[in-house]
Amino acid sequence: MFAGLNGWHLIILLAVILLLFGAAKLPALAKSMGQSARVFKGEMSAMKEEDAARTEQREADKGDKSDGSTAPGSSSTPDTDRPS
């Protein structure tokens, strides 16, 4: 995406940003962008942790089901009291 950018392109881009926002607002803009990036990274790591916990839970559930035990309240034999 940015493979075609060279040094002159970046200088022109910075000059346009300076003209649009003004020199006084640039520090506040940079601070805001930094805070946004920090929040984004925090949310991404939280999502990864939740996903890992769900994956571990699924693996544990699969392990419980495959060991031959039955769930509480269920029987391993078919219910013969009910009419078909």
N, C-alpha and C. Protein backbone atom coordinates (compact mmCIF):
# COMPACT_ATOMS: atom_id res chain seq x y z
N MET A 1 0.83 -1.19 0.00
CA MET A 1 0.00 0.00 0.00
C MET A 1 0.87 1.26 0.00
N PHE A 2 1.89 1.28 0.86
CA PHE A 2 2.76 2.45 0.94
C PHE A 2 4.12 2.17 0.30
N ALA A 3 4.21 1.14 -0.52
CA ALA A 3 5.49 0.76 -1.10
C ALA A 3 6.01 1.82 -2.07
N GLY A 4 5.12 2.59 -2.70
CA GLY A 4 5.53 3.59 -3.66
C GLY A 4 5.92 4.93 -3.04
N LEU A 5 5.80 5.06 -1.73
CA LEU A 5 6.14 6.34 -1.09
C LEU A 5 7.64 6.44 -0.89
N ASN A 6 8.17 7.61 -1.22
CA ASN A 6 9.57 7.87 -0.93
C ASN A 6 9.65 9.07 0.01
N GLY A 7 10.82 9.55 0.25
CA GLY A 7 11.02 10.65 1.20
C GLY A 7 10.27 11.92 0.85
N TRP A 8 10.24 12.27 -0.44
CA TRP A 8 9.55 13.49 -0.86
C TRP A 8 8.04 13.39 -0.63
N HIS A 9 7.50 12.23 -0.89
CA HIS A 9 6.07 12.04 -0.66
C HIS A 9 5.72 12.25 0.81
N LEU A 10 6.55 11.72 1.69
CA LEU A 10 6.30 11.88 3.12
C LEU A 10 6.41 13.33 3.57
N ILE A 11 7.38 14.06 3.00
CA ILE A 11 7.53 15.47 3.34
C ILE A 11 6.31 16.26 2.89
N ILE A 12 5.84 16.00 1.69
CA ILE A 12 4.64 16.69 1.19
C ILE A 12 3.42 16.34 2.04
N LEU A 13 3.30 15.08 2.40
CA LEU A 13 2.19 14.65 3.25
C LEU A 13 2.22 15.35 4.61
N LEU A 14 3.38 15.44 5.21
CA LEU A 14 3.51 16.15 6.49
C LEU A 14 3.19 17.63 6.35
N ALA A 15 3.59 18.24 5.24
CA ALA A 15 3.28 19.66 5.01
C ALA A 15 1.77 19.87 4.88
N VAL A 16 1.09 18.99 4.18
CA VAL A 16 -0.37 19.10 4.05
C VAL A 16 -1.04 18.94 5.41
N ILE A 17 -0.58 17.99 6.20
CA ILE A 17 -1.15 17.81 7.55
C ILE A 17 -0.91 19.05 8.39
N LEU A 18 0.27 19.64 8.28
CA LEU A 18 0.57 20.85 9.04
C LEU A 18 -0.33 22.00 8.61
N LEU A 19 -0.59 22.13 7.32
CA LEU A 19 -1.48 23.18 6.84
C LEU A 19 -2.93 22.95 7.28
N LEU A 20 -3.37 21.71 7.27
CA LEU A 20 -4.75 21.42 7.64
C LEU A 20 -5.02 21.63 9.12
N PHE A 21 -4.14 21.16 9.96
CA PHE A 21 -4.40 21.18 11.40
C PHE A 21 -3.73 22.33 12.12
N GLY A 22 -2.71 22.90 11.56
CA GLY A 22 -2.00 23.99 12.22
C GLY A 22 -0.99 23.45 13.22
N ALA A 23 0.04 24.23 13.46
CA ALA A 23 1.13 23.80 14.33
C ALA A 23 0.67 23.67 15.78
N ALA A 24 -0.28 24.47 16.20
CA ALA A 24 -0.72 24.45 17.60
C ALA A 24 -1.50 23.18 17.93
N LYS A 25 -2.21 22.63 16.96
CA LYS A 25 -3.06 21.47 17.23
C LYS A 25 -2.33 20.14 17.02
N LEU A 26 -1.16 20.14 16.44
CA LEU A 26 -0.46 18.89 16.15
C LEU A 26 -0.11 18.10 17.41
N PRO A 27 0.41 18.72 18.48
CA PRO A 27 0.69 17.92 19.68
C PRO A 27 -0.55 17.25 20.27
N ALA A 28 -1.67 17.98 20.29
CA ALA A 28 -2.91 17.40 20.80
C ALA A 28 -3.38 16.27 19.89
N LEU A 29 -3.22 16.44 18.59
CA LEU A 29 -3.61 15.40 17.64
C LEU A 29 -2.75 14.16 17.83
N ALA A 30 -1.45 14.35 18.01
CA ALA A 30 -0.55 13.21 18.23
C ALA A 30 -0.89 12.50 19.54
N LYS A 31 -1.20 13.26 20.58
CA LYS A 31 -1.56 12.67 21.87
C LYS A 31 -2.85 11.85 21.73
N SER A 32 -3.82 12.41 21.03
CA SER A 32 -5.08 11.72 20.82
C SER A 32 -4.88 10.43 20.03
N MET A 33 -4.06 10.49 19.01
CA MET A 33 -3.78 9.29 18.21
C MET A 33 -3.06 8.24 19.05
N GLY A 34 -2.15 8.66 19.90
CA GLY A 34 -1.45 7.72 20.78
C GLY A 34 -2.39 7.05 21.76
N GLN A 35 -3.30 7.83 22.34
CA GLN A 35 -4.28 7.26 23.27
C GLN A 35 -5.20 6.28 22.54
N SER A 36 -5.61 6.64 21.35
CA SER A 36 -6.48 5.75 20.57
C SER A 36 -5.76 4.45 20.25
N ALA A 37 -4.50 4.53 19.88
CA ALA A 37 -3.73 3.33 19.58
C ALA A 37 -3.58 2.46 20.83
N ARG A 38 -3.36 3.08 21.98
CA ARG A 38 -3.22 2.35 23.23
C ARG A 38 -4.52 1.62 23.58
N VAL A 39 -5.64 2.31 23.44
CA VAL A 39 -6.95 1.69 23.72
C VAL A 39 -7.20 0.54 22.76
N PHE A 40 -6.89 0.76 21.49
CA PHE A 40 -7.08 -0.28 20.48
C PHE A 40 -6.26 -1.52 20.80
N LYS A 41 -4.99 -1.33 21.17
CA LYS A 41 -4.14 -2.47 21.52
C LYS A 41 -4.67 -3.19 22.74
N GLY A 42 -5.15 -2.43 23.72
CA GLY A 42 -5.71 -3.05 24.92
C GLY A 42 -6.94 -3.89 24.61
N GLU A 43 -7.81 -3.35 23.77
CA GLU A 43 -9.02 -4.09 23.39
C GLU A 43 -8.67 -5.34 22.58
N MET A 44 -7.68 -5.23 21.71
CA MET A 44 -7.27 -6.39 20.92
C MET A 44 -6.70 -7.48 21.81
N SER A 45 -5.88 -7.11 22.80
CA SER A 45 -5.33 -8.13 23.69
C SER A 45 -6.43 -8.75 24.54
N ALA A 46 -7.41 -7.96 24.96
CA ALA A 46 -8.54 -8.51 25.73
C ALA A 46 -9.33 -9.49 24.88
N MET A 47 -9.54 -9.15 23.61
CA MET A 47 -10.26 -10.06 22.72
C MET A 47 -9.49 -11.36 22.51
N LYS A 48 -8.16 -11.26 22.40
CA LYS A 48 -7.35 -12.46 22.22
C LYS A 48 -7.42 -13.34 23.47
N GLU A 49 -7.40 -12.72 24.66
CA GLU A 49 -7.50 -13.48 25.90
C GLU A 49 -8.86 -14.18 26.00
N GLU A 50 -9.92 -13.48 25.64
CA GLU A 50 -11.26 -14.08 25.66
C GLU A 50 -11.34 -15.25 24.68
N ASP A 51 -10.76 -15.06 23.51
CA ASP A 51 -10.78 -16.12 22.50
C ASP A 51 -9.99 -17.33 22.99
N ALA A 52 -8.85 -17.09 23.62
CA ALA A 52 -8.05 -18.20 24.15
C ALA A 52 -8.81 -18.93 25.25
N ALA A 53 -9.51 -18.19 26.11
CA ALA A 53 -10.29 -18.82 27.17
C ALA A 53 -11.42 -19.66 26.59
N ARG A 54 -12.09 -19.14 25.56
CA ARG A 54 -13.16 -19.91 24.92
C ARG A 54 -12.62 -21.17 24.27
N THR A 55 -11.47 -21.05 23.63
CA THR A 55 -10.86 -22.21 22.98
C THR A 55 -10.49 -23.27 24.02
N GLU A 56 -9.91 -22.83 25.14
CA GLU A 56 -9.57 -23.77 26.20
C GLU A 56 -10.82 -24.44 26.76
N GLN A 57 -11.89 -23.66 26.91
CA GLN A 57 -13.14 -24.22 27.43
C GLN A 57 -13.71 -25.25 26.45
N ARG A 58 -13.67 -24.94 25.16
CA ARG A 58 -14.16 -25.90 24.16
C ARG A 58 -13.35 -27.19 24.19
N GLU A 59 -12.03 -27.04 24.30
CA GLU A 59 -11.17 -28.22 24.35
C GLU A 59 -11.47 -29.04 25.60
N ALA A 60 -11.70 -28.37 26.72
CA ALA A 60 -12.03 -29.08 27.96
C ALA A 60 -13.37 -29.78 27.83
N ASP A 61 -14.34 -29.12 27.20
CA ASP A 61 -15.65 -29.73 26.99
C ASP A 61 -15.54 -30.94 26.07
N LYS A 62 -14.74 -30.84 25.03
CA LYS A 62 -14.55 -31.97 24.13
C LYS A 62 -13.89 -33.13 24.86
N GLY A 63 -12.93 -32.82 25.72
CA GLY A 63 -12.26 -33.86 26.50
C GLY A 63 -13.21 -34.53 27.46
N ASP A 64 -14.11 -33.77 28.06
CA ASP A 64 -15.10 -34.35 28.98
C ASP A 64 -16.05 -35.26 28.25
N LYS A 65 -16.46 -34.90 27.07
CA LYS A 65 -17.42 -35.70 26.30
C LYS A 65 -16.78 -36.96 25.74
N SER A 66 -15.52 -36.90 25.42
CA SER A 66 -14.88 -38.04 24.77
C SER A 66 -14.34 -39.07 25.75
N ASP A 67 -14.38 -38.81 27.06
CA ASP A 67 -13.84 -39.77 28.01
C ASP A 67 -14.83 -40.85 28.41
N GLY A 68 -16.04 -40.82 27.84
CA GLY A 68 -17.01 -41.88 28.08
C GLY A 68 -17.94 -41.62 29.24
N SER A 69 -17.76 -40.56 29.95
CA SER A 69 -18.65 -40.28 31.07
C SER A 69 -19.91 -39.59 30.55
N THR A 70 -20.95 -39.63 31.35
CA THR A 70 -22.20 -39.00 30.96
C THR A 70 -22.40 -37.73 31.76
N ALA A 71 -23.23 -36.87 31.23
CA ALA A 71 -23.52 -35.62 31.91
C ALA A 71 -24.40 -35.90 33.12
N PRO A 72 -24.33 -35.07 34.15
CA PRO A 72 -25.18 -35.27 35.32
C PRO A 72 -26.65 -35.22 34.92
N GLY A 73 -27.43 -36.17 35.44
CA GLY A 73 -28.85 -36.20 35.15
C GLY A 73 -29.20 -36.99 33.92
N SER A 74 -28.22 -37.47 33.20
CA SER A 74 -28.52 -38.26 32.02
C SER A 74 -28.07 -39.69 32.25
N SER A 75 -28.64 -40.59 31.52
CA SER A 75 -28.26 -42.00 31.68
C SER A 75 -27.61 -42.48 30.39
N SER A 76 -26.82 -43.53 30.54
CA SER A 76 -26.15 -44.07 29.37
C SER A 76 -26.99 -45.13 28.68
N THR A 77 -28.11 -45.56 29.32
CA THR A 77 -28.99 -46.54 28.69
C THR A 77 -30.22 -45.83 28.15
N PRO A 78 -30.81 -46.34 27.09
CA PRO A 78 -32.00 -45.69 26.54
C PRO A 78 -33.17 -45.81 27.51
N ASP A 79 -34.03 -44.83 27.46
CA ASP A 79 -35.19 -44.78 28.33
C ASP A 79 -36.27 -45.68 27.74
N THR A 80 -36.59 -46.79 28.43
CA THR A 80 -37.56 -47.76 27.91
C THR A 80 -38.95 -47.56 28.45
N ASP A 81 -39.14 -46.60 29.36
CA ASP A 81 -40.46 -46.37 29.95
C ASP A 81 -41.37 -45.60 29.01
N ARG A 82 -40.81 -44.87 28.08
CA ARG A 82 -41.62 -44.07 27.17
C ARG A 82 -42.12 -44.90 26.00
N PRO A 83 -43.37 -44.73 25.62
CA PRO A 83 -43.84 -45.42 24.42
C PRO A 83 -43.28 -44.76 23.17
N SER A 84 -43.07 -45.54 22.15
CA SER A 84 -42.51 -45.01 20.90
C SER A 84 -43.57 -44.42 20.02
